[in-house]
Protein backbone atom coordinates (compact mmCIF):
# COMPACT_ATOMS: atom_id res chain seq x y z
CA MET A 1 91.05 82.69 103.04
CA ALA A 2 93.41 82.49 106.08
CA ARG A 3 95.33 79.64 104.71
CA ARG A 4 96.01 81.63 101.47
CA VAL A 5 97.23 84.71 103.55
CA ALA A 6 99.37 82.24 105.56
CA ALA A 7 100.76 80.69 102.59
CA GLY A 8 101.46 84.02 100.91
CA ILE A 9 103.34 85.24 103.96
CA LEU A 10 105.33 81.91 104.20
CA LEU A 11 106.25 82.17 100.50
CA ALA A 12 107.27 85.90 100.65
CA GLY A 13 109.46 84.80 103.66
CA LEU A 14 111.12 82.04 101.47
CA VAL A 15 111.63 84.33 98.54
CA CYS A 16 113.16 87.17 100.75
CA ALA A 17 115.13 84.99 102.97
CA PRO A 18 118.80 85.54 103.41
CA THR A 19 121.88 83.95 101.67
CA ALA A 20 125.00 83.03 103.48
CA GLN A 21 128.23 81.47 102.42
CA ALA A 22 130.43 78.79 104.14
CA ASP A 23 133.38 76.99 102.81
CA GLY A 24 132.78 78.36 99.35
CA ALA A 25 129.31 77.06 99.25
CA THR A 26 126.17 79.39 99.10
CA ALA A 27 122.92 78.61 100.87
CA SER A 28 119.75 80.64 100.77
CA GLY A 29 116.25 80.31 102.23
CA VAL A 30 115.67 79.24 105.76
CA GLY A 31 118.79 77.19 105.56
CA ALA A 32 120.78 80.41 105.55
CA ARG A 33 118.95 81.59 108.74
CA ARG A 34 120.80 81.43 112.30
CA CYS A 35 119.97 78.40 114.58
CA SER A 36 118.52 81.06 117.01
CA ALA A 37 115.61 81.50 114.47
CA PHE A 38 114.98 77.82 114.36
CA GLY A 39 114.93 77.75 118.07
CA ALA A 40 112.40 80.43 118.23
CA ALA A 41 110.19 78.67 115.67
CA LEU A 42 110.47 75.51 117.79
CA GLU A 43 109.48 77.41 121.03
CA ARG A 44 106.51 78.89 119.30
CA ASP A 45 105.59 75.51 117.99
CA SER A 46 104.93 77.20 114.60
CA ALA A 47 103.94 74.49 112.07
CA ALA A 48 104.39 76.55 109.18
CA ALA A 49 108.00 77.70 110.09
CA LEU A 50 108.92 74.19 111.17
CA ASP A 51 107.75 72.84 107.94
CA ALA A 52 109.75 75.35 105.98
CA TYR A 53 112.87 74.37 108.00
CA VAL A 54 112.17 70.62 107.37
CA SER A 55 111.31 71.02 103.67
CA TRP A 56 114.60 72.98 103.25
CA SER A 57 116.55 70.50 105.18
CA GLN A 58 115.08 67.69 103.04
CA GLY A 59 115.76 69.50 99.73
CA PHE A 60 119.31 69.91 100.72
CA ILE A 61 119.85 66.35 101.81
CA ALA A 62 118.26 65.18 98.40
CA GLY A 63 120.84 67.30 96.64
CA PHE A 64 123.48 65.75 98.57
CA ASN A 65 122.01 62.27 97.82
CA TRP A 66 121.69 63.09 94.10
CA SER A 67 125.17 64.55 93.77
CA ASN A 68 127.34 62.53 96.00
CA VAL A 69 129.83 60.27 93.94
CA ARG A 70 130.33 57.72 96.86
CA GLN A 71 126.52 56.78 96.77
CA ARG A 72 126.44 57.36 100.71
CA ASN A 73 122.52 58.22 100.71
CA VAL A 74 121.15 59.84 103.79
CA SER A 75 117.58 59.00 104.58
CA ILE A 76 116.10 60.91 107.76
CA ASP A 77 112.52 61.65 108.35
CA ALA A 78 110.90 65.10 109.46
CA ALA A 79 110.79 64.22 113.06
CA ALA A 80 114.47 63.21 113.14
CA ILE A 81 115.36 66.52 111.27
CA ILE A 82 113.36 68.70 113.80
CA ASN A 83 115.08 66.75 116.73
CA TRP A 84 118.58 67.19 115.29
CA LEU A 85 117.94 70.90 114.50
CA GLY A 86 116.70 71.39 118.02
CA GLN A 87 119.84 69.86 119.64
CA TYR A 88 122.27 71.30 117.38
CA CYS A 89 120.75 74.84 117.34
CA ALA A 90 120.47 74.82 121.20
CA ALA A 91 124.11 74.29 121.57
CA ARG A 92 125.14 76.60 118.71
CA PRO A 93 122.44 79.53 118.44
CA THR A 94 124.88 81.56 116.24
CA ALA A 95 125.45 78.80 113.65
CA ARG A 96 123.38 78.59 110.47
CA VAL A 97 120.83 76.05 109.70
CA PHE A 98 122.79 74.76 106.79
CA ASP A 99 125.65 74.07 109.21
CA ALA A 100 123.56 71.88 111.20
CA VAL A 101 122.08 70.07 108.04
CA GLN A 102 125.82 69.49 106.79
CA GLU A 103 126.69 68.22 110.26
CA LEU A 104 123.51 65.73 109.97
CA ILE A 105 124.77 64.56 106.53
CA ARG A 106 128.22 64.02 107.74
CA ARG A 107 127.11 61.97 110.71
CA ASN A 108 124.48 59.80 108.71
CA ALA A 109 125.97 59.36 105.15
CA ARG A 110 126.44 55.69 104.61
């Protein structure tokens, strides 16, 4: 029962998540949140929240891989995503999570 309640809360948070724009692109869900929110989730060691950030990031990266014409695929595991977001967001707490993931892609696209 507790798992269902937690899953419902997580789903409601994802559905009601903010939307943000940068450089003409729109991001929604946890990717539109500020880095400070990721930092708070990391400090709390909230598995559900961290999983949401990783899942969003992996989906964003998969979208990049699918749509890029140069075929420079990015392949990064969950631990590396958390590590990157932690470093990026600690240095830029007012940035958006999608800014961090876009920079991760730029640095890792081959």
